[in-house]
Each structure stands twice: as C-alpha cells, then as structure tokens.
C-alpha cells in the first residue's frame, strides 16, 4: 500500500511522523538494539518534548542543539524540536571542545539536548552562553555547579512526564526547520539552512522514486546529524516503514546478521566504506540466499549498470537537498558507482 504524501504546501517535516502515527499507531517505527518503539509511542514522546521546550521558553525559530548518537532519543529529540516550532541543529558527535565552543557561539542555542556521552563537553562549553535556557540530558553523571541555567533529566521529563497532546504550533513551509553543518574537511564547518519545504520536497521525491511503502525496513548506519542519515529517517517515517539503527558498523558481520534478523529491505552507506567493510563477508553463513544486489540508481531495470538518463534522474531528485548525495558529473564507471551507491536493496 502506497503512502499518501499529499498535503499541499502546508506539509511540515514532523507531519510525516504524525500522519504515520495516525495510520499505523501500533506499527514499529524505530528499532535500536533491544529498544523498539511504535509510531504512536514516538509521536507521543515527541509531543511531550515539544510541550516541555515550549514551557521552558523555547519559541518559534529558536535553535535547539542535538548531540546524540543515533538512537530513539535522537528521533524523539529531532521531531519534538520541530513540533515546538524550533530549529533542529544536530552536531557531529566527533566534535572536540574547541570546535564545539565555536559552533555553539555561532548557533546561539536556546536549548541543548544531549546524551551523557557529551556531558563533559557541554559542561565545559555552555556556561558562558547567554542564550541557553536549559540543557536536557540523558542520564547525567556530573555535578553541575555555577551555571546560569537549569539541567533537566531526560528520563524524568520525557519517559515519566505527562501529556502527549500535539502542541499545535502554527508554521509554514518557508520556516526554518534545520541547520546541518558540513564536515569541515576544508576549513571550519559551515551551517546549511534548510526550510520545511526544502526537506519535504526532497523526502517526497525520494519516497516516490524508490517506491517506499510501509513494508520497507531500512538499516541505518549513517549518522543522523548528516544529510543522508537524516534523509533516511524522514523518508521512512513518511512511508510508514521501519528504521533499524545500528551503531556498530565497525563490525559489519554483526550488521549483516541484524539485517537478516529484522528483515531489512534497504541499506545505505558511503561507497568506499561499503567496499572495505562488506567485501569477503561470509554471506552464505546467514542462511539467506540473496538473488540480486541492487541499488537506487538501477531501479529502472538495468542489470549491468545504469544509463546516463537513469543516473541523471536519480541525481535530480536528490540534488534539492544537498549536492553531496551524488557527484556533479557522472562517474566514468557507472557499474562501480551503482554497486556502492547511497541506497542498496537486496531481494531474495
């Protein structure tokens, strides 16, 4: 059954989650290790976070920094921030103290949401920021002192809090939804501003081109703080599919085993890393016979690489979001690119 992506120009990014929560409230939306959550649960927790942020003085257009590894908490933090009318600013989880301090000064966040893995970083780099109204931490361990804002505990506010009603903040497609920072490989990271309409248009295009449905199960090893990881999240929330989070890509055999266990239909990765990680794995040991190793750029039906027309079509639908999804010029070896493209499907 195809999902419905039509809601006119008023469609906002978090509406994808809300629509799927109405259609499939009990369907599993997110799986991460032993944790799983249905669409109804994810939407309710995101609503609770949004209402908490609004109650803490976060207003429409305020920046909210997210510093979480891929997890259910990240998903709730992302959509909860958008529901509050705020701007989601996920940061690279590999940032060091000096890099974080610079970005926080540039972002001027109203609120920070983070896991305890980054608690020390936040403690060292937020006390002198006048814009911060508070920090929400997952299982904090440090004793914070001499800070001008309160520290809140995720478990007490989100998991044990009350009220899951949608806050109903009025927004338009032109409103800013997120800021995604570049890697900074050629200098300091630069923030790319994306409106709700930017992200919605990209999400719709990819869902339609890949024919995503509620039956799709996407393995995610790419970080949500980068554009491709975030696109995987939005597209599968829009389709009513399931996102399987695995943060152990350093152990590709474990990733493969989980793909089989969860019935994964889609996998996305960075081409060089995929070649290195998956070459030589004992595929037969999984007990599954894979008939075809397929990719997004080959969905038109070609089996020995894609034509220039197919490639250009795939590039056009990804380009509105970011140019890093595909190179500006088609590679000389289409087959090499296709076999390690940003979306890969296995069919039995």
Protein backbone atom coordinates (compact mmCIF):
# COMPACT_ATOMS: atom_id res chain seq x y z
CA UNK A 1 0.00 0.00 0.00
CA UNK A 2 1.42 3.32 -1.06
CA UNK A 3 1.70 6.11 1.44
CA UNK A 4 -0.02 9.44 0.91
CA UNK A 5 2.34 12.37 0.71
CA UNK A 6 -0.21 14.92 -0.42
CA UNK A 7 -0.98 17.71 2.00
CA UNK A 8 -0.29 20.73 -0.12
CA UNK A 9 2.17 23.47 0.71
CA UNK A 10 1.24 23.28 4.41
CA UNK A 11 3.04 19.96 4.91
CA UNK A 12 5.82 20.24 7.50
CA UNK A 13 8.59 17.77 8.26
CA UNK A 14 7.07 16.46 11.50
CA UNK A 15 3.75 15.89 9.75
CA UNK A 16 5.32 12.79 8.20
CA UNK A 17 5.60 11.25 11.65
CA UNK A 18 2.15 12.48 12.68
CA UNK A 19 0.46 11.07 9.58
CA UNK A 20 2.08 7.67 10.03
CA UNK A 21 1.15 7.69 13.73
CA UNK A 22 -2.50 8.13 12.72
CA UNK A 23 -2.38 5.43 10.04
CA UNK A 24 -0.19 2.89 11.82
CA UNK A 25 -0.17 3.76 15.54
CA UNK A 26 0.94 0.28 16.66
CA UNK A 27 3.46 -0.37 13.90
CA UNK A 28 7.12 -0.41 14.90
CA UNK A 29 8.82 2.77 13.71
CA UNK A 30 12.27 2.51 15.30
CA UNK A 31 14.42 -0.42 16.40
CA UNK A 32 17.73 0.10 18.22
CA UNK A 33 19.34 -2.92 19.85
CA UNK A 34 16.79 -4.20 22.39
CA UNK A 35 14.70 -1.00 22.20
CA UNK A 36 11.76 -0.61 19.84
CA UNK A 37 9.00 2.00 19.63
CA UNK A 38 5.79 2.24 17.64
CA UNK A 39 4.69 5.25 15.64
CA UNK A 40 2.19 6.13 18.32
CA UNK A 41 4.86 5.98 21.02
CA UNK A 42 7.43 8.03 19.07
CA UNK A 43 4.85 10.69 18.22
CA UNK A 44 3.62 10.87 21.83
CA UNK A 45 7.15 11.26 23.20
CA UNK A 46 7.94 13.93 20.60
CA UNK A 47 4.80 15.82 21.60
CA UNK A 48 5.83 15.63 25.25
CA UNK A 49 9.27 17.02 24.42
CA UNK A 50 7.76 19.81 22.33
CA UNK A 51 5.45 20.86 25.15
CA UNK A 52 8.37 20.78 27.59
CA UNK A 53 10.51 23.01 25.35
CA UNK A 54 7.67 25.47 24.89
CA UNK A 55 7.13 25.52 28.65
CA UNK A 56 10.82 26.31 29.14
CA UNK A 57 10.53 29.40 26.95
CA UNK A 58 11.67 28.00 23.58
CA UNK A 59 9.95 29.99 20.86
CA UNK A 60 9.36 29.58 17.16
CA UNK A 61 12.66 29.95 15.28
CA UNK A 62 14.88 29.30 18.32
CA UNK A 63 17.80 26.93 17.76
CA UNK A 64 17.89 23.66 19.66
CA UNK A 65 21.17 21.73 19.57
CA UNK A 66 21.01 17.93 19.44
CA UNK A 67 24.08 15.94 20.41
CA UNK A 68 23.06 12.31 20.42
CA UNK A 69 24.40 9.27 18.70
CA UNK A 70 21.78 7.56 16.51
CA UNK A 71 19.09 6.38 18.92
CA UNK A 72 15.41 6.55 19.76
CA UNK A 73 16.23 9.64 21.85
CA UNK A 74 17.64 11.36 18.77
CA UNK A 75 14.47 10.62 16.78
CA UNK A 76 12.27 11.96 19.59
CA UNK A 77 14.56 14.98 20.03
CA UNK A 78 14.51 15.80 16.32
CA UNK A 79 10.76 15.65 15.80
CA UNK A 80 9.99 17.13 19.20
CA UNK A 81 12.12 20.16 18.39
CA UNK A 82 10.29 20.67 15.08
CA UNK A 83 6.89 20.29 16.74
CA UNK A 84 7.84 23.10 19.13
CA UNK A 85 8.43 25.36 16.13
CA UNK A 86 12.16 25.43 16.84
CA UNK A 87 15.10 24.78 14.52
CA UNK A 88 16.88 21.44 14.88
CA UNK A 89 20.68 21.73 14.88
CA UNK A 90 22.30 18.29 15.19
CA UNK A 91 26.04 18.39 15.76
CA UNK A 92 28.79 15.99 14.81
CA UNK A 93 29.34 13.57 17.68
CA UNK A 94 33.10 13.60 16.99
CA UNK A 95 33.44 17.30 17.79
CA UNK A 96 36.18 18.30 20.22
CA UNK A 97 35.95 21.06 22.80
CA UNK A 98 37.32 23.91 20.67
CA UNK A 99 35.16 23.01 17.69
CA UNK A 100 32.05 22.72 19.82
CA UNK A 101 32.64 26.04 21.55
CA UNK A 102 32.95 27.84 18.22
CA UNK A 103 29.75 26.30 16.83
CA UNK A 104 27.73 26.98 19.97
CA UNK A 105 28.78 30.61 19.84
CA UNK A 106 27.65 30.78 16.23
CA UNK A 107 24.36 28.94 16.74
CA UNK A 108 23.32 30.75 19.95
CA UNK A 109 21.04 27.87 21.01
CA UNK A 110 18.03 28.35 23.25
CA UNK A 111 18.26 24.76 24.44
CA UNK A 112 20.60 21.77 24.25
CA UNK A 113 19.56 18.11 24.23
CA UNK A 114 22.37 15.57 24.67
CA UNK A 115 23.36 12.16 26.00
CA UNK A 116 25.73 11.77 28.93
CA UNK A 117 28.48 10.80 26.50
CA UNK A 118 28.75 14.52 25.71
CA UNK A 119 28.01 15.83 29.18
CA UNK A 120 31.59 16.87 29.95
CA UNK A 121 31.84 18.70 26.62
CA UNK A 122 28.65 20.59 27.35
CA UNK A 123 29.69 21.36 30.90
CA UNK A 124 32.93 22.90 29.66
CA UNK A 125 31.47 24.92 26.79
CA UNK A 126 27.99 26.20 27.65
CA UNK A 127 28.22 28.11 30.93
CA UNK A 128 29.06 31.43 29.28
CA UNK A 129 26.34 31.30 26.59
CA UNK A 130 23.65 33.86 27.45
CA UNK A 131 21.00 32.41 25.11
CA UNK A 132 20.69 28.94 26.70
CA UNK A 133 17.54 28.41 28.75
CA UNK A 134 18.46 24.90 29.85
CA UNK A 135 20.02 21.55 28.97
CA UNK A 136 18.15 18.25 28.78
CA UNK A 137 20.49 15.31 29.42
CA UNK A 138 20.05 11.58 29.11
CA UNK A 139 21.22 10.03 32.41
CA UNK A 140 23.62 12.82 33.57
CA UNK A 141 26.55 11.78 35.74
CA UNK A 142 28.39 15.00 36.58
CA UNK A 143 27.70 17.51 39.33
CA UNK A 144 26.97 20.77 37.55
CA UNK A 145 27.73 23.92 39.53
CA UNK A 146 27.93 27.65 38.92
CA UNK A 147 25.81 27.60 35.78
CA UNK A 148 23.15 30.20 34.97
CA UNK A 149 20.57 27.72 33.63
CA UNK A 150 18.88 24.51 34.86
CA UNK A 151 19.78 20.90 33.97
CA UNK A 152 16.91 18.52 33.26
CA UNK A 153 16.96 14.71 33.15
CA UNK A 154 15.56 13.01 30.05
CA UNK A 155 14.03 10.11 31.96
CA UNK A 156 12.11 12.38 34.31
CA UNK A 157 10.85 14.78 31.64
CA UNK A 158 10.26 12.56 28.62
CA UNK A 159 9.88 8.98 29.81
CA UNK A 160 7.96 9.73 33.02
CA UNK A 161 6.41 13.06 32.13
CA UNK A 162 2.74 13.76 31.47
CA UNK A 163 0.82 14.93 28.45
CA UNK A 164 1.32 13.73 24.87
CA UNK A 165 -1.02 16.10 23.06
CA UNK A 166 0.27 17.85 19.94
CA UNK A 167 1.21 21.46 20.86
CA UNK A 168 -0.18 22.68 17.53
CA UNK A 169 2.36 25.44 16.80
CA UNK A 170 1.46 27.35 13.64
CA UNK A 171 4.21 27.24 10.99
CA UNK A 172 4.65 27.47 7.23
CA UNK A 173 6.80 25.63 4.73
CA UNK A 174 9.11 28.63 4.49
CA UNK A 175 10.02 28.44 8.17
CA UNK A 176 13.48 27.19 9.00
CA UNK A 177 13.46 23.51 10.04
CA UNK A 178 17.12 22.66 10.46
CA UNK A 179 20.74 23.64 10.17
CA UNK A 180 23.12 20.92 9.07
CA UNK A 181 26.84 21.53 9.39
CA UNK A 182 29.38 20.39 6.85
CA UNK A 183 32.22 18.16 7.97
CA UNK A 184 34.76 20.99 7.94
CA UNK A 185 37.29 18.96 5.97
CA UNK A 186 38.37 22.06 4.01
CA UNK A 187 38.01 24.57 6.84
CA UNK A 188 35.59 25.33 9.63
CA UNK A 189 32.20 23.57 9.39
CA UNK A 190 29.56 25.67 7.65
CA UNK A 191 25.88 25.58 8.54
CA UNK A 192 23.39 24.86 5.74
CA UNK A 193 19.92 26.26 6.45
CA UNK A 194 17.00 24.07 5.34
CA UNK A 195 13.35 25.09 5.41
CA UNK A 196 10.49 22.69 5.98
CA UNK A 197 9.66 22.96 2.29
CA UNK A 198 13.25 22.03 1.32
CA UNK A 199 13.15 18.83 3.34
CA UNK A 200 9.56 17.93 2.48
CA UNK A 201 10.26 18.27 -1.27
CA UNK A 202 13.32 16.07 -1.02
CA UNK A 203 11.51 13.48 1.09
CA UNK A 204 8.59 13.29 -1.31
CA UNK A 205 10.89 12.89 -4.33
CA UNK A 206 12.91 10.05 -2.81
CA UNK A 207 9.83 8.23 -1.50
CA UNK A 208 8.19 8.35 -4.91
CA UNK A 209 11.30 7.44 -6.88
CA UNK A 210 12.18 4.47 -4.65
CA UNK A 211 8.52 3.46 -4.23
CA UNK A 212 8.90 3.30 -0.47
CA UNK A 213 5.98 1.75 1.43
CA UNK A 214 5.12 0.72 4.98
CA UNK A 215 6.77 -2.64 4.23
CA UNK A 216 10.23 -1.09 3.88
CA UNK A 217 12.72 -1.76 6.66
CA UNK A 218 15.81 0.47 6.46
CA UNK A 219 19.10 -0.35 8.14
CA UNK A 220 20.73 2.92 9.23
CA UNK A 221 24.44 3.06 9.99
CA UNK A 222 24.93 6.62 8.74
CA UNK A 223 24.73 9.35 11.41
CA UNK A 224 21.51 11.31 11.62
CA UNK A 225 23.48 14.54 12.04
CA UNK A 226 24.49 14.37 8.38
CA UNK A 227 22.18 14.87 5.44
CA UNK A 228 21.93 11.29 4.18
CA UNK A 229 21.20 9.81 7.59
CA UNK A 230 18.50 12.41 8.20
CA UNK A 231 17.01 11.71 4.77
CA UNK A 232 16.73 8.00 5.60
CA UNK A 233 14.87 8.88 8.78
CA UNK A 234 12.43 11.31 7.14
CA UNK A 235 11.66 9.14 4.12
CA UNK A 236 10.85 6.06 6.16
CA UNK A 237 8.78 7.98 8.69
CA UNK A 238 6.86 9.38 5.71
CA UNK A 239 6.35 5.92 4.19
CA UNK A 240 5.35 4.31 7.46
CA UNK A 241 8.33 1.97 7.28
CA UNK A 242 10.72 0.84 9.98
CA UNK A 243 14.16 2.27 10.76
CA UNK A 244 16.68 -0.15 12.26
CA UNK A 245 19.53 1.72 13.96
CA UNK A 246 22.91 0.02 14.20
CA UNK A 247 25.90 1.98 15.55
CA UNK A 248 28.33 -0.93 15.15
CA UNK A 249 29.40 -0.59 11.52
CA UNK A 250 32.96 -1.36 12.63
CA UNK A 251 31.65 -4.93 12.93
CA UNK A 252 29.99 -5.49 9.52
CA UNK A 253 29.17 -9.14 10.17
CA UNK A 254 27.02 -8.06 13.14
CA UNK A 255 25.28 -5.51 10.93
CA UNK A 256 24.58 -8.18 8.32
CA UNK A 257 23.19 -10.56 10.92
CA UNK A 258 20.81 -7.90 12.21
CA UNK A 259 19.71 -7.13 8.67
CA UNK A 260 18.66 -10.74 8.27
CA UNK A 261 17.03 -10.88 11.70
CA UNK A 262 14.92 -7.74 11.14
CA UNK A 263 14.05 -8.46 7.51
CA UNK A 264 15.84 -5.36 6.23
CA UNK A 265 14.93 -4.28 2.69
CA UNK A 266 17.19 -1.23 2.34
CA UNK A 267 20.75 -0.34 3.23
CA UNK A 268 22.63 2.90 2.62
CA UNK A 269 26.29 3.70 3.03
CA UNK A 270 29.35 5.57 1.86
CA UNK A 271 30.83 3.77 -1.18
CA UNK A 272 34.48 3.39 -0.05
CA UNK A 273 33.43 2.22 3.42
CA UNK A 274 30.97 -0.27 1.99
CA UNK A 275 33.59 -1.80 -0.28
CA UNK A 276 36.02 -2.15 2.60
CA UNK A 277 33.55 -3.45 5.14
CA UNK A 278 31.45 -5.90 3.17
CA UNK A 279 33.98 -7.44 0.81
CA UNK A 280 34.75 -11.01 1.79
CA UNK A 281 31.97 -11.43 4.35
CA UNK A 282 30.56 -14.96 4.69
CA UNK A 283 27.19 -14.16 3.08
CA UNK A 284 26.13 -17.83 2.94
CA UNK A 285 26.59 -18.14 6.71
CA UNK A 286 23.48 -16.03 7.21
CA UNK A 287 21.31 -18.81 5.83
CA UNK A 288 19.80 -16.38 3.31
CA UNK A 289 20.24 -16.64 -0.42
CA UNK A 290 20.43 -13.18 -1.95
CA UNK A 291 19.30 -13.24 -5.56
CA UNK A 292 20.17 -9.68 -6.51
CA UNK A 293 22.37 -6.92 -5.16
CA UNK A 294 20.52 -3.84 -6.33
CA UNK A 295 20.75 -0.06 -5.95
CA UNK A 296 18.61 3.03 -6.27
CA UNK A 297 20.29 4.12 -9.49
CA UNK A 298 19.39 0.74 -11.03
CA UNK A 299 15.71 0.65 -10.11
CA UNK A 300 14.75 1.43 -13.71
CA UNK A 301 15.50 -2.19 -14.57
CA UNK A 302 19.02 -2.27 -15.99
CA UNK A 303 21.19 -5.06 -14.62
CA UNK A 304 24.67 -4.12 -15.79
CA UNK A 305 24.89 -0.57 -14.62
CA UNK A 306 22.78 2.48 -15.18
CA UNK A 307 22.34 4.62 -18.25
CA UNK A 308 23.14 8.33 -18.24
CA UNK A 309 19.38 9.01 -18.25
CA UNK A 310 18.85 6.85 -15.14
CA UNK A 311 21.78 8.47 -13.38
CA UNK A 312 20.61 11.99 -14.18
CA UNK A 313 17.13 11.19 -12.92
CA UNK A 314 18.47 9.90 -9.60
CA UNK A 315 20.73 12.91 -9.25
CA UNK A 316 17.91 15.38 -9.92
CA UNK A 317 15.70 14.01 -7.14
CA UNK A 318 18.48 14.09 -4.58
CA UNK A 319 20.01 17.41 -5.58
CA UNK A 320 17.38 19.71 -3.94
CA UNK A 321 18.57 18.50 -0.55
CA UNK A 322 22.34 18.55 -0.95
CA UNK A 323 24.91 18.15 -3.68
CA UNK A 324 26.88 15.67 -1.61
CA UNK A 325 24.41 12.84 -2.34
CA UNK A 326 25.85 12.35 -5.81
CA UNK A 327 28.77 13.86 -7.76
CA UNK A 328 28.01 16.70 -10.14
CA UNK A 329 29.47 14.75 -13.07
CA UNK A 330 28.55 11.10 -13.64
CA UNK A 331 31.47 8.79 -12.82
CA UNK A 332 33.25 7.09 -15.70
CA UNK A 333 32.44 3.66 -14.35
CA UNK A 334 28.69 3.52 -13.82
CA UNK A 335 28.78 -0.06 -12.59
CA UNK A 336 31.30 0.70 -9.84
CA UNK A 337 29.19 3.64 -8.67
CA UNK A 338 25.94 1.70 -8.79
CA UNK A 339 27.22 -1.22 -6.78
CA UNK A 340 28.18 1.13 -3.99
CA UNK A 341 25.51 3.79 -4.30
CA UNK A 342 23.84 5.56 -1.40
CA UNK A 343 20.88 3.19 -1.33
CA UNK A 344 21.20 -0.57 -1.78
CA UNK A 345 18.49 -3.21 -1.90
CA UNK A 346 18.69 -6.95 -1.52
CA UNK A 347 15.86 -9.07 -2.91
CA UNK A 348 15.50 -12.73 -2.14
